[in-house]
C-alpha atoms as a PDB file:
ATOM      1  CA  MET A   1      -0.065   0.066  -0.234  1.00  0.00           C
ATOM      2  CA  GLY A   2       1.596   3.345  -1.030  1.00  0.00           C
ATOM      3  CA  PRO A   3       3.833   4.990  -1.264  1.00  0.00           C
ATOM      4  CA  TRP A   4       2.207   8.111  -0.105  1.00  0.00           C
ATOM      5  CA  TYR A   5       4.045  11.473   0.467  1.00  0.00           C
ATOM      6  CA  TYR A   6       3.138  14.127   3.071  1.00  0.00           C
ATOM      7  CA  GLU A   7       4.231  17.349   4.668  1.00  0.00           C
ATOM      8  CA  VAL A   8       3.810  17.864   8.366  1.00  0.00           C
ATOM      9  CA  VAL A   9       1.404  20.904   8.869  1.00  0.00           C
ATOM     10  CA  SER A  10       0.960  20.943  12.463  1.00  0.00           C
ATOM     11  CA  PHE A  11       0.811  19.317  15.769  1.00  0.00           C
ATOM     12  CA  ASP A  12      -2.479  18.792  17.711  1.00  0.00           C
ATOM     13  CA  GLY A  13      -1.941  17.107  21.014  1.00  0.00           C
ATOM     14  CA  ASP A  14      -1.103  13.489  20.470  1.00  0.00           C
ATOM     15  CA  TYR A  15      -1.587  13.890  16.697  1.00  0.00           C
ATOM     16  CA  VAL A  16       0.183  15.424  13.691  1.00  0.00           C
ATOM     17  CA  ASN A  17      -1.799  16.887  10.727  1.00  0.00           C
ATOM     18  CA  LEU A  18      -0.393  15.771   7.554  1.00  0.00           C
ATOM     19  CA  ARG A  19      -1.059  17.154   3.827  1.00  0.00           C
ATOM     20  CA  ARG A  20      -0.386  14.895   0.912  1.00  0.00           C
ATOM     21  CA  THR A  21       1.951  16.243  -1.571  1.00  0.00           C
ATOM     22  CA  ASP A  22       1.990  13.548  -4.269  1.00  0.00           C
ATOM     23  CA  ILE A  23      -1.327  14.676  -5.292  1.00  0.00           C
ATOM     24  CA  GLU A  24      -3.127  18.008  -5.224  1.00  0.00           C
ATOM     25  CA  SER A  25      -5.131  18.218  -1.857  1.00  0.00           C
ATOM     26  CA  ASP A  26      -5.869  20.756   0.782  1.00  0.00           C
ATOM     27  CA  GLU A  27      -7.345  17.936   3.150  1.00  0.00           C
ATOM     28  CA  LEU A  28      -5.304  17.279   6.395  1.00  0.00           C
ATOM     29  CA  ASN A  29      -4.657  13.706   7.631  1.00  0.00           C
ATOM     30  CA  PRO A  30      -4.525  13.493  11.534  1.00  0.00           C
ATOM     31  CA  VAL A  31      -2.078  10.599  12.271  1.00  0.00           C
ATOM     32  CA  ALA A  32      -1.256   9.572  15.812  1.00  0.00           C
ATOM     33  CA  LEU A  33       2.210  10.928  16.906  1.00  0.00           C
ATOM     34  CA  ALA A  34       3.356   7.719  18.238  1.00  0.00           C
ATOM     35  CA  LEU A  35       3.357   6.174  14.554  1.00  0.00           C
ATOM     36  CA  LEU A  36       5.766   8.635  13.260  1.00  0.00           C
ATOM     37  CA  PRO A  37       9.541   9.010  13.927  1.00  0.00           C
ATOM     38  CA  PRO A  38      10.760  10.976  16.952  1.00  0.00           C
ATOM     39  CA  GLU A  39      12.503  13.362  14.719  1.00  0.00           C
ATOM     40  CA  ILE A  40       9.385  14.851  13.256  1.00  0.00           C
ATOM     41  CA  GLU A  41       8.681  18.725  12.977  1.00  0.00           C
ATOM     42  CA  VAL A  42       6.577  20.886  11.188  1.00  0.00           C
ATOM     43  CA  GLY A  43       7.704  21.043   7.607  1.00  0.00           C
ATOM     44  CA  SER A  44       9.314  17.682   7.549  1.00  0.00           C
ATOM     45  CA  LYS A  45       8.454  15.689   4.481  1.00  0.00           C
ATOM     46  CA  VAL A  46       7.205  12.147   5.321  1.00  0.00           C
ATOM     47  CA  ARG A  47       6.899   8.983   3.104  1.00  0.00           C
ATOM     48  CA  CYS A  48       4.299   6.249   4.117  1.00  0.00           C
ATOM     49  CA  GLU A  49       4.344   2.632   2.839  1.00  0.00           C
ATOM     50  CA  TYR A  50       2.341   0.022   4.507  1.00  0.00           C
ATOM     51  CA  PHE A  51       1.546   2.194   7.467  1.00  0.00           C
ATOM     52  CA  GLN A  52       5.322   2.665   8.074  1.00  0.00           C
ATOM     53  CA  TYR A  53       6.449   6.479   8.197  1.00  0.00           C
ATOM     54  CA  GLU A  54       9.867   7.649   7.459  1.00  0.00           C
ATOM     55  CA  VAL A  55      11.304  11.230   7.290  1.00  0.00           C
ATOM     56  CA  ILE A  56      12.745  11.825   3.691  1.00  0.00           C
ATOM     57  CA  GLY A  57      13.344  15.800   4.137  1.00  0.00           C
END
């Protein structure tokens, strides 16, 4: 499944709001912070494949 590419837009408690960058979309996808790598920050580029997230930029 995937890969999908996202950009970190904001943090909201235990969730991170991600916006898809591989397609045109203004929709935000909330993802549990625990699923993301610890070095995540606003503006990070993230790749998701088989529900595993990795920072790519």
